[in-house]
Protein backbone atom coordinates (compact mmCIF):
# COMPACT_ATOMS: atom_id res chain seq x y z
CA MET A 1 -29.65 -12.41 59.88
CA ARG A 2 -26.91 -10.44 58.13
CA LYS A 3 -23.30 -11.54 58.50
CA VAL A 4 -20.37 -9.27 59.40
CA HIS A 5 -16.96 -10.41 58.14
CA PHE A 6 -13.65 -9.52 59.82
CA THR A 7 -10.19 -8.92 58.37
CA GLU A 8 -7.48 -9.28 61.04
CA THR A 9 -4.65 -6.74 60.72
CA VAL A 10 -2.17 -7.65 63.48
CA LEU A 11 0.31 -9.11 60.98
CA ARG A 12 0.40 -5.97 58.85
CA ASP A 13 -1.36 -2.68 59.54
CA ALA A 14 -1.64 -2.94 63.33
CA ASN A 15 2.04 -3.85 63.40
CA GLN A 16 2.86 -1.06 60.95
CA SER A 17 0.82 1.61 62.73
CA LEU A 18 2.05 0.89 66.26
CA ILE A 19 5.64 -0.29 65.86
CA ALA A 20 6.58 0.85 62.33
CA THR A 21 6.44 -2.76 61.04
CA ARG A 22 9.26 -4.10 63.21
CA MET A 23 7.73 -7.50 64.07
CA PRO A 24 9.84 -10.31 62.59
CA PHE A 25 8.29 -13.52 61.33
CA GLU A 26 9.78 -15.60 64.13
CA LYS A 27 7.78 -13.59 66.69
CA PHE A 28 4.38 -14.61 65.32
CA GLU A 29 5.16 -17.91 63.60
CA PRO A 30 3.98 -20.07 66.55
CA ILE A 31 0.46 -18.59 66.52
CA LEU A 32 -0.24 -18.79 62.78
CA SER A 33 -1.85 -22.22 62.77
CA THR A 34 -4.14 -21.06 65.58
CA MET A 35 -5.08 -17.87 63.72
CA ASP A 36 -5.98 -20.06 60.76
CA LYS A 37 -8.82 -21.51 62.87
CA ALA A 38 -10.26 -18.18 64.07
CA GLY A 39 -12.82 -17.71 61.31
CA TYR A 40 -11.43 -14.49 59.83
CA TYR A 41 -12.69 -13.41 56.42
CA SER A 42 -9.03 -12.70 55.67
CA MET A 43 -5.71 -11.93 57.34
CA GLU A 44 -3.89 -8.87 56.09
CA CYS A 45 -0.30 -10.00 56.30
CA TRP A 46 1.71 -8.49 53.45
CA GLY A 47 2.19 -5.38 51.38
CA GLY A 48 2.23 -1.88 52.79
CA ALA A 49 5.53 -1.33 54.60
CA THR A 50 6.18 -5.01 55.38
CA PHE A 51 8.27 -5.47 52.25
CA ASP A 52 10.55 -2.51 53.02
CA SER A 53 10.91 -3.43 56.69
CA CYS A 54 11.76 -7.06 55.98
CA LEU A 55 14.71 -6.04 53.83
CA ARG A 56 15.77 -2.88 55.65
CA TYR A 57 15.40 -3.84 59.32
CA LEU A 58 14.47 -7.49 59.82
CA ASN A 59 16.95 -9.26 57.53
CA GLU A 60 14.12 -11.29 56.01
CA ASP A 61 13.09 -12.22 52.51
CA PRO A 62 9.54 -10.81 52.24
CA TRP A 63 8.58 -13.45 49.68
CA GLU A 64 9.74 -16.26 51.96
CA ARG A 65 7.80 -14.65 54.80
CA LEU A 66 4.65 -14.77 52.67
CA ARG A 67 5.22 -18.40 51.66
CA LYS A 68 5.65 -19.43 55.28
CA ILE A 69 2.44 -17.66 56.31
CA ARG A 70 0.63 -19.35 53.42
CA GLU A 71 1.91 -22.78 54.47
CA ALA A 72 0.82 -22.22 58.08
CA CYS A 73 -2.61 -20.82 57.14
CA PRO A 74 -4.09 -22.98 54.37
CA ASN A 75 -7.70 -22.24 55.34
CA THR A 76 -7.70 -18.44 55.54
CA LYS A 77 -7.55 -15.91 52.73
CA LEU A 78 -4.33 -13.93 52.80
CA GLN A 79 -4.56 -10.26 51.90
CA MET A 80 -2.08 -7.59 50.91
CA LEU A 81 -2.07 -3.85 50.32
CA LEU A 82 -0.72 -2.71 46.95
CA ARG A 83 -0.04 0.88 45.96
CA GLY A 84 -1.11 0.47 42.35
CA GLN A 85 1.59 1.67 39.99
CA ASN A 86 3.87 2.34 43.02
CA ILE A 87 3.67 -1.38 43.93
CA LEU A 88 5.27 -1.24 47.41
CA GLY A 89 7.85 1.45 46.74
CA TYR A 90 7.68 5.21 46.51
CA LYS A 91 7.67 5.87 42.77
CA HIS A 92 5.84 4.64 39.69
CA TYR A 93 7.08 1.51 37.95
CA PRO A 94 6.63 0.31 34.35
CA ASP A 95 3.65 -1.89 33.57
CA ASP A 96 5.73 -5.04 33.04
CA ILE A 97 7.02 -4.81 36.60
CA VAL A 98 3.57 -4.13 38.05
CA ARG A 99 2.12 -7.13 36.23
CA LEU A 100 4.90 -9.50 37.29
CA PHE A 101 4.73 -8.30 40.89
CA VAL A 102 1.01 -8.99 41.05
CA LYS A 103 1.46 -12.40 39.38
CA LYS A 104 4.20 -13.42 41.81
CA SER A 105 2.21 -12.15 44.80
CA VAL A 106 -0.64 -14.48 43.88
CA GLU A 107 1.71 -17.39 43.12
CA ASN A 108 3.34 -17.01 46.53
CA GLY A 109 0.09 -17.07 48.42
CA ILE A 110 -1.97 -13.89 48.21
CA ASP A 111 -5.74 -14.26 47.69
CA ILE A 112 -6.98 -10.66 48.02
CA ILE A 113 -5.16 -7.58 46.75
CA ARG A 114 -6.41 -4.26 48.06
CA ILE A 115 -5.29 -1.81 45.39
CA PHE A 116 -5.16 1.93 45.87
CA ASP A 117 -3.65 5.05 44.39
CA ALA A 118 -2.54 7.79 46.75
CA LEU A 119 -4.29 10.43 44.61
CA ASN A 120 -7.37 8.31 43.83
CA ASP A 121 -6.25 8.53 40.20
CA VAL A 122 -7.79 5.36 38.74
CA ARG A 123 -5.36 5.39 35.81
CA ASN A 124 -2.74 4.27 38.33
CA ILE A 125 -4.58 1.12 39.45
CA GLU A 126 -5.96 -0.21 36.16
CA VAL A 127 -2.96 -2.42 35.31
CA ALA A 128 -2.76 -3.92 38.81
CA VAL A 129 -6.50 -4.61 38.81
CA ASP A 130 -6.34 -6.25 35.39
CA GLU A 131 -3.42 -8.48 36.36
CA THR A 132 -5.02 -9.45 39.68
CA LEU A 133 -8.13 -10.63 37.86
CA LYS A 134 -6.08 -12.47 35.23
CA ASN A 135 -4.35 -14.43 38.01
CA GLY A 136 -7.59 -15.44 39.70
CA ALA A 137 -7.21 -13.31 42.82
CA HIS A 138 -9.74 -10.89 44.31
CA ALA A 139 -9.19 -7.26 43.29
CA SER A 140 -10.45 -4.83 45.91
CA GLY A 141 -10.63 -1.26 44.61
CA THR A 142 -9.89 1.36 47.22
CA ILE A 143 -11.19 4.83 48.00
CA CYS A 144 -8.56 6.72 49.98
CA TYR A 145 -10.88 8.61 52.31
CA THR A 146 -9.98 12.19 53.07
CA VAL A 147 -11.63 15.47 53.93
CA SER A 148 -11.01 18.61 51.91
CA PRO A 149 -12.88 21.28 49.95
CA ILE A 150 -12.78 19.02 46.88
CA HIS A 151 -13.61 15.60 48.35
CA ASN A 152 -17.26 14.75 49.02
CA LEU A 153 -19.90 12.01 48.86
CA GLU A 154 -20.52 12.49 45.16
CA SER A 155 -16.84 12.29 44.21
CA ASN A 156 -16.40 9.09 46.23
CA VAL A 157 -19.43 7.41 44.66
CA LYS A 158 -18.21 8.41 41.20
CA LEU A 159 -14.80 6.92 42.00
CA ALA A 160 -16.37 3.65 43.18
CA LYS A 161 -18.49 3.35 40.03
CA THR A 162 -15.40 3.85 37.87
CA MET A 163 -13.52 1.12 39.73
CA VAL A 164 -16.43 -1.32 39.49
CA ASP A 165 -16.60 -0.67 35.74
CA MET A 166 -12.88 -1.51 35.74
CA GLY A 167 -13.70 -4.94 37.20
CA VAL A 168 -12.94 -4.72 40.94
CA GLN A 169 -14.81 -7.27 43.05
CA SER A 170 -15.20 -5.16 46.17
CA ILE A 171 -14.82 -1.53 47.23
CA CYS A 172 -12.78 -0.65 50.30
CA ILE A 173 -13.16 2.68 52.07
CA LYS A 174 -9.66 3.27 53.41
CA ASP A 175 -9.71 5.81 56.24
CA MET A 176 -5.99 6.06 56.94
CA ALA A 177 -6.13 8.58 59.79
CA GLY A 178 -9.34 7.63 61.58
CA ILE A 179 -11.00 10.89 60.55
CA MET A 180 -14.20 9.41 59.12
CA GLY A 181 -16.96 10.08 61.63
CA PRO A 182 -19.85 7.69 62.32
CA GLN A 183 -22.37 9.69 60.29
CA GLU A 184 -19.93 10.14 57.40
CA ALA A 185 -19.33 6.38 57.40
CA TYR A 186 -23.05 5.64 57.44
CA ASP A 187 -23.77 8.08 54.61
CA LEU A 188 -20.90 6.88 52.42
CA VAL A 189 -21.57 3.17 52.87
CA LYS A 190 -25.29 3.70 52.26
CA ALA A 191 -24.55 5.68 49.08
CA LEU A 192 -22.14 3.01 47.85
CA LYS A 193 -24.61 0.19 48.55
CA GLU A 194 -27.22 2.06 46.52
CA ASN A 195 -24.89 2.67 43.58
CA VAL A 196 -22.59 -0.36 43.22
CA LYS A 197 -23.33 -4.08 43.49
CA VAL A 198 -20.14 -5.36 45.09
CA PRO A 199 -19.26 -5.93 48.78
CA ILE A 200 -18.19 -2.86 50.77
CA VAL A 201 -15.16 -3.08 53.07
CA VAL A 202 -14.38 -0.44 55.70
CA HIS A 203 -10.91 0.23 57.07
CA THR A 204 -10.27 2.84 59.74
CA HIS A 205 -7.99 3.59 62.70
CA CYS A 206 -8.56 4.53 66.33
CA THR A 207 -6.22 7.53 66.14
CA THR A 208 -9.01 10.02 66.89
CA GLY A 209 -11.09 7.70 69.06
CA LEU A 210 -13.82 7.39 66.43
CA GLY A 211 -12.90 3.93 65.11
CA PRO A 212 -15.28 1.54 66.91
CA ILE A 213 -18.43 3.65 66.53
CA THR A 214 -17.49 4.45 62.92
CA LEU A 215 -17.31 0.74 62.10
CA GLN A 216 -20.56 0.11 63.97
CA ARG A 217 -22.40 2.72 61.90
CA ALA A 218 -20.74 1.49 58.71
CA VAL A 219 -22.09 -2.02 59.32
CA ASP A 220 -25.52 -0.60 60.16
CA ALA A 221 -25.46 1.04 56.73
CA GLY A 222 -24.61 -2.23 55.01
CA ALA A 223 -20.83 -2.69 55.13
CA ASP A 224 -19.91 -6.33 54.53
CA VAL A 225 -16.34 -6.52 55.87
CA ILE A 226 -14.48 -4.53 58.54
CA ASP A 227 -10.78 -4.38 59.46
CA THR A 228 -9.90 -5.00 63.12
CA ALA A 229 -6.85 -5.96 65.21
CA THR A 230 -6.44 -8.43 68.05
CA SER A 231 -7.04 -6.37 71.18
CA CYS A 232 -3.51 -5.98 72.59
CA PHE A 233 -2.42 -4.53 69.22
CA SER A 234 -5.58 -2.45 68.74
CA GLY A 235 -6.45 1.13 69.60
CA GLY A 236 -4.32 4.23 69.25
CA THR A 237 -3.02 4.49 65.71
CA SER A 238 -4.11 0.89 65.02
CA GLN A 239 -7.55 -0.56 64.25
CA PRO A 240 -10.42 -1.19 66.68
CA ALA A 241 -10.29 -4.46 68.64
CA THR A 242 -11.46 -7.63 66.91
CA GLU A 243 -12.92 -9.12 70.08
CA SER A 244 -14.85 -5.96 71.05
CA LEU A 245 -16.43 -5.51 67.63
CA ALA A 246 -17.35 -9.18 67.45
CA TYR A 247 -19.05 -8.80 70.86
CA ILE A 248 -20.92 -5.68 69.76
CA PHE A 249 -22.25 -7.18 66.52
CA ARG A 250 -23.29 -10.44 68.12
CA GLN A 251 -25.18 -8.43 70.73
CA GLU A 252 -26.90 -6.49 67.95
CA GLY A 253 -28.04 -9.69 66.25
CA TYR A 254 -25.53 -9.94 63.41
CA GLU A 255 -23.99 -13.25 62.46
CA VAL A 256 -20.26 -13.42 63.27
CA ASP A 257 -18.13 -16.42 62.30
CA LEU A 258 -15.25 -15.69 64.68
CA LYS A 259 -14.46 -18.25 67.38
CA GLU A 260 -14.17 -16.54 70.77
CA ASP A 261 -11.88 -19.13 72.34
CA VAL A 262 -9.43 -18.88 69.42
CA LEU A 263 -9.48 -15.07 69.58
CA ARG A 264 -8.58 -15.25 73.27
CA GLU A 265 -5.69 -17.58 72.48
CA VAL A 266 -4.43 -15.26 69.73
CA ASN A 267 -4.54 -12.23 71.99
CA ALA A 268 -2.87 -14.09 74.87
CA PHE A 269 -0.02 -14.97 72.51
CA PHE A 270 0.54 -11.38 71.36
CA LYS A 271 0.27 -9.79 74.84
CA PRO A 272 3.84 -10.52 75.96
CA ILE A 273 5.11 -9.44 72.53
CA GLN A 274 3.34 -6.11 72.98
CA GLN A 275 4.81 -5.77 76.48
CA GLY A 276 8.27 -6.50 75.13
CA TYR A 277 7.95 -3.75 72.54
CA LEU A 278 6.79 -1.33 75.22
CA ALA A 279 9.75 -2.26 77.40
CA ASP A 280 12.36 -1.78 74.67
CA LYS A 281 10.60 1.39 73.45
CA THR A 282 9.87 0.03 69.97
CA LEU A 283 6.27 0.78 70.90
CA ASN A 284 6.04 4.41 71.93
CA PRO A 285 3.11 4.83 74.39
CA ARG A 286 2.07 7.88 72.39
CA MET A 287 1.00 5.51 69.59
CA MET A 288 -1.59 4.03 71.96
CA MET A 289 -3.15 7.36 72.85
CA THR A 290 -6.16 9.11 71.33
CA GLU A 291 -5.08 12.13 69.29
CA THR A 292 -8.10 14.23 68.44
CA GLU A 293 -5.79 16.72 66.73
CA ALA A 294 -5.69 14.24 63.85
CA LEU A 295 -9.17 15.47 62.94
CA THR A 296 -7.34 18.64 61.93
CA TYR A 297 -4.00 17.27 60.74
CA GLN A 298 -5.38 14.05 59.14
CA VAL A 299 -2.14 12.22 59.93
CA PRO A 300 -2.51 8.42 59.56
CA GLY A 301 -1.10 6.01 62.12
CA GLY A 302 1.89 4.83 60.11
CA MET A 303 2.79 8.39 59.22
CA LEU A 304 2.59 9.51 62.86
CA SER A 305 4.79 6.65 64.06
CA ASN A 306 7.33 7.48 61.35
CA LEU A 307 7.31 11.19 62.24
CA VAL A 308 7.93 10.33 65.88
CA ALA A 309 10.77 7.97 64.91
CA GLN A 310 12.37 10.51 62.56
CA LEU A 311 12.19 13.42 65.00
CA THR A 312 13.43 11.23 67.86
CA ALA A 313 16.44 10.17 65.78
CA GLN A 314 17.23 13.84 65.14
CA ASN A 315 16.66 14.82 68.80
CA ASN A 316 13.81 17.07 67.69
CA LEU A 317 10.75 15.29 69.08
CA ASP A 318 9.82 18.53 70.84
CA ARG A 319 9.04 19.96 67.36
CA LEU A 320 6.37 17.32 66.60
CA ASP A 321 3.45 19.66 67.26
CA ASP A 322 4.96 22.27 64.92
CA VAL A 323 5.40 19.64 62.22
CA LEU A 324 1.80 18.44 62.66
CA LYS A 325 0.55 22.02 62.25
CA GLU A 326 2.57 22.37 59.06
CA VAL A 327 1.20 19.16 57.51
CA PRO A 328 -2.20 20.61 56.43
CA ASN A 329 -0.44 23.66 54.99
CA VAL A 330 1.82 21.52 52.81
CA ARG A 331 -1.16 19.36 51.83
CA LYS A 332 -3.11 22.43 50.68
CA ASP A 333 -0.10 23.66 48.65
CA LEU A 334 0.03 20.27 46.90
CA GLY A 335 -3.64 20.24 45.93
CA TYR A 336 -5.11 18.26 48.86
CA PRO A 337 -3.68 14.79 48.22
CA PRO A 338 -5.00 12.13 50.63
CA LEU A 339 -2.41 11.38 53.29
CA VAL A 340 -1.63 7.79 52.42
CA THR A 341 1.64 6.15 51.34
CA PRO A 342 3.58 7.48 49.50
CA MET A 343 1.91 10.91 49.75
CA SER A 344 1.81 10.80 53.55
CA GLN A 345 5.58 10.27 53.70
CA MET A 346 6.19 12.97 51.11
CA VAL A 347 4.02 15.52 52.89
CA GLY A 348 5.41 14.52 56.29
CA VAL A 349 9.03 14.80 55.20
CA GLN A 350 8.37 18.14 53.52
CA ALA A 351 6.55 19.50 56.57
CA THR A 352 9.44 18.36 58.78
CA SER A 353 11.97 19.98 56.46
CA ASN A 354 10.00 23.25 56.44
CA ILE A 355 9.97 23.38 60.25
CA LEU A 356 13.52 22.28 60.97
CA ALA A 357 15.00 24.51 58.24
CA GLY A 358 13.07 27.49 59.59
CA GLU A 359 11.98 28.34 56.04
CA ARG A 360 9.18 26.86 53.96
CA TYR A 361 10.39 24.93 50.89
CA LYS A 362 14.01 25.92 51.39
CA ASN A 363 14.67 22.29 50.60
CA VAL A 364 12.24 20.33 48.42
CA SER A 365 12.49 16.55 48.30
CA LYS A 366 12.98 14.85 44.94
CA GLU A 367 9.68 13.03 45.49
CA VAL A 368 7.77 16.30 45.87
CA VAL A 369 9.52 17.60 42.74
CA ALA A 370 8.35 14.48 40.87
CA TYR A 371 4.82 14.95 42.23
CA LEU A 372 4.70 18.55 41.06
CA ALA A 373 5.95 17.38 37.66
CA GLY A 374 2.92 15.07 37.35
CA GLU A 375 4.81 11.81 37.81
CA TYR A 376 2.47 10.51 40.53
CA GLY A 377 -0.73 11.32 38.66
CA LYS A 378 -3.26 14.09 38.64
CA ALA A 379 -3.38 16.20 41.80
CA PRO A 380 -6.90 16.14 43.27
CA GLY A 381 -7.05 19.95 43.46
CA GLU A 382 -5.15 23.02 42.37
CA VAL A 383 -1.45 23.03 43.22
CA ASP A 384 0.02 26.27 44.56
CA ALA A 385 1.21 28.07 41.43
CA GLU A 386 4.14 29.84 43.10
CA LEU A 387 5.47 26.60 44.56
CA GLN A 388 5.17 24.82 41.23
CA LYS A 389 6.96 27.68 39.48
CA LYS A 390 9.73 27.70 42.09
CA VAL A 391 10.31 23.97 41.73
CA LEU A 392 9.72 23.38 38.01
CA GLY A 393 10.62 26.72 36.50
CA ASP A 394 9.28 26.80 32.94
CA ARG A 395 8.88 23.02 32.75
CA LYS A 396 5.26 21.94 32.26
CA PRO A 397 3.95 19.01 34.32
CA ILE A 398 2.90 15.97 32.31
CA THR A 399 -0.80 15.24 32.08
CA GLU A 400 -0.82 11.69 30.66
CA ARG A 401 -0.53 8.55 32.78
CA PHE A 402 3.14 8.60 33.78
CA ALA A 403 3.61 4.85 33.36
CA ASN A 404 2.91 5.31 29.64
CA THR A 405 6.22 7.15 29.39
CA LEU A 406 8.25 4.37 31.04
CA GLU A 407 10.15 1.66 29.20
CA PRO A 408 9.81 -1.96 30.39
CA GLY A 409 12.19 -2.40 33.30
CA PHE A 410 12.30 -5.99 34.55
CA GLU A 411 14.92 -7.44 32.18
CA LYS A 412 17.21 -4.45 32.69
CA ALA A 413 17.02 -4.82 36.46
CA LYS A 414 17.60 -8.58 36.17
CA ALA A 415 20.80 -7.93 34.24
CA GLU A 416 21.91 -5.31 36.77
CA ILE A 417 21.59 -7.52 39.84
CA GLY A 418 22.93 -10.61 38.06
CA ASP A 419 23.71 -13.74 40.04
CA LYS A 420 22.86 -12.11 43.38
CA ALA A 421 19.21 -12.66 42.49
CA HIS A 422 18.16 -16.29 42.77
CA SER A 423 14.65 -15.82 41.40
CA ASP A 424 12.27 -13.40 39.72
CA GLU A 425 11.04 -12.56 43.21
CA ASP A 426 14.56 -11.46 44.15
CA VAL A 427 14.69 -9.21 41.10
CA LEU A 428 11.38 -7.64 42.13
CA SER A 429 12.77 -7.03 45.63
CA TYR A 430 15.79 -5.34 44.05
CA ILE A 431 13.56 -3.20 41.85
CA ALA A 432 11.49 -2.02 44.80
CA PHE A 433 14.36 -1.34 47.22
CA PRO A 434 17.75 -1.65 45.45
CA PRO A 435 20.29 -0.95 48.25
CA GLN A 436 18.31 -2.81 50.89
CA ALA A 437 17.71 -5.86 48.69
CA GLU A 438 21.33 -6.03 47.55
CA ALA A 439 22.54 -5.82 51.16
CA TYR A 440 20.14 -8.61 52.09
CA PHE A 441 21.33 -10.78 49.18
CA ASP A 442 24.96 -10.31 50.28
CA LYS A 443 24.13 -11.37 53.84
CA ARG A 444 22.15 -14.34 52.56
CA ASP A 445 24.99 -15.51 50.32
CA GLU A 446 27.55 -15.07 53.09
CA LYS A 447 25.38 -17.07 55.47
CA ALA A 448 24.98 -19.85 52.90
CA LYS A 449 28.73 -19.85 52.22
CA ASN A 450 29.55 -20.11 55.92
CA SER A 451 26.97 -22.84 56.39
CA PHE A 452 28.44 -24.80 53.49
CA THR A 453 32.00 -24.39 54.84
CA TYR A 454 30.87 -25.54 58.27
CA SER A 455 29.17 -28.60 56.76
CA ILE A 456 32.34 -29.54 54.86
CA ARG A 457 34.51 -29.20 57.98
CA LYS A 458 32.03 -31.22 60.03
CA ALA A 459 32.01 -33.95 57.42
């Protein structure tokens, strides 16, 4: 009897996809010790947008958040999503910073690091993979799944082989937008199982309605681990439901380690939280709907929730359909990058700008300029020559790995932030999100000062 393993995403990707990562630690802290007994293969709880949101919106130290989860869940592997040379930010960082970030992630409680590059440029994950292995954690190499004239079964298998040669201990197929159909999943997993000798993990979303059957066919083809979310935070732009998939695979004769009574308790805990987010409109009901248009636009869940939030803030939500239609046009112009962070944000922002300005590329973001200059890696396909000329002029894009051109940056950043940083982890927070981290440090110090003053007066 073959076993199917489950990674629970409610603490990270389900939260990110449905409510733009707005769930503070205090909301889920009481259920952590229960989740630790559920029998998950791993809990994805960190990385992705959690780091940014902790500092920017939740007034939390992301490192402290991780340590608290680790303390509450000693029996379950904790997993994070890392953007290779981007770490958790939106640009490439020097190798010394990447290495220290990985080291500190493991020290603070991470067991599995899922490492990807938005362009599937393996040069941009090699340092993170190497450092993950050096620190005794599990390095999961990631294929950012996408559909285009230049992405196919052969290119994905070739990518997987290269990552396995690099030393990764598993291969994850990361379908950010839920556009991988059941047959495509079956064919890709089967091809990977025939060509590489490491476990295969499959991550998808329910955005298009394909998620559950896609995971079912992936497991039939030999997938070892699947990503799912507790049912009240599943569906829509999130992952398929943990409980439903466990039921399906048990019925089909697979071995499933999950404890049904614990899963029910976990879901019962999160139900009122979900209802609260619906009531205060943090959770837009549109995020729970099936959007088959994503098969055309290939917009992942987190990107869609961010587009809705951005357009709502600008009182332009009525232009969402126009923006979605512009997304594949921008993507083609940029050489068909997969729509995953940071490329999804870059393409989404540029598409929004093109629509709201009433003129394509009237304004070009600095991130798109950097991409066209080669700073994010090699574009998967041909970039529109006229656009590149307009943006770069006579400047030639670089072709070497961009991080090779960067000077070590940690000590410089440490000197910049000075006494506001209380640890190397603080410095890394500052490096990733300077204004947000500095604002958080100021609030933290003020709170400590007030607490100390109060203690003195009380004494």
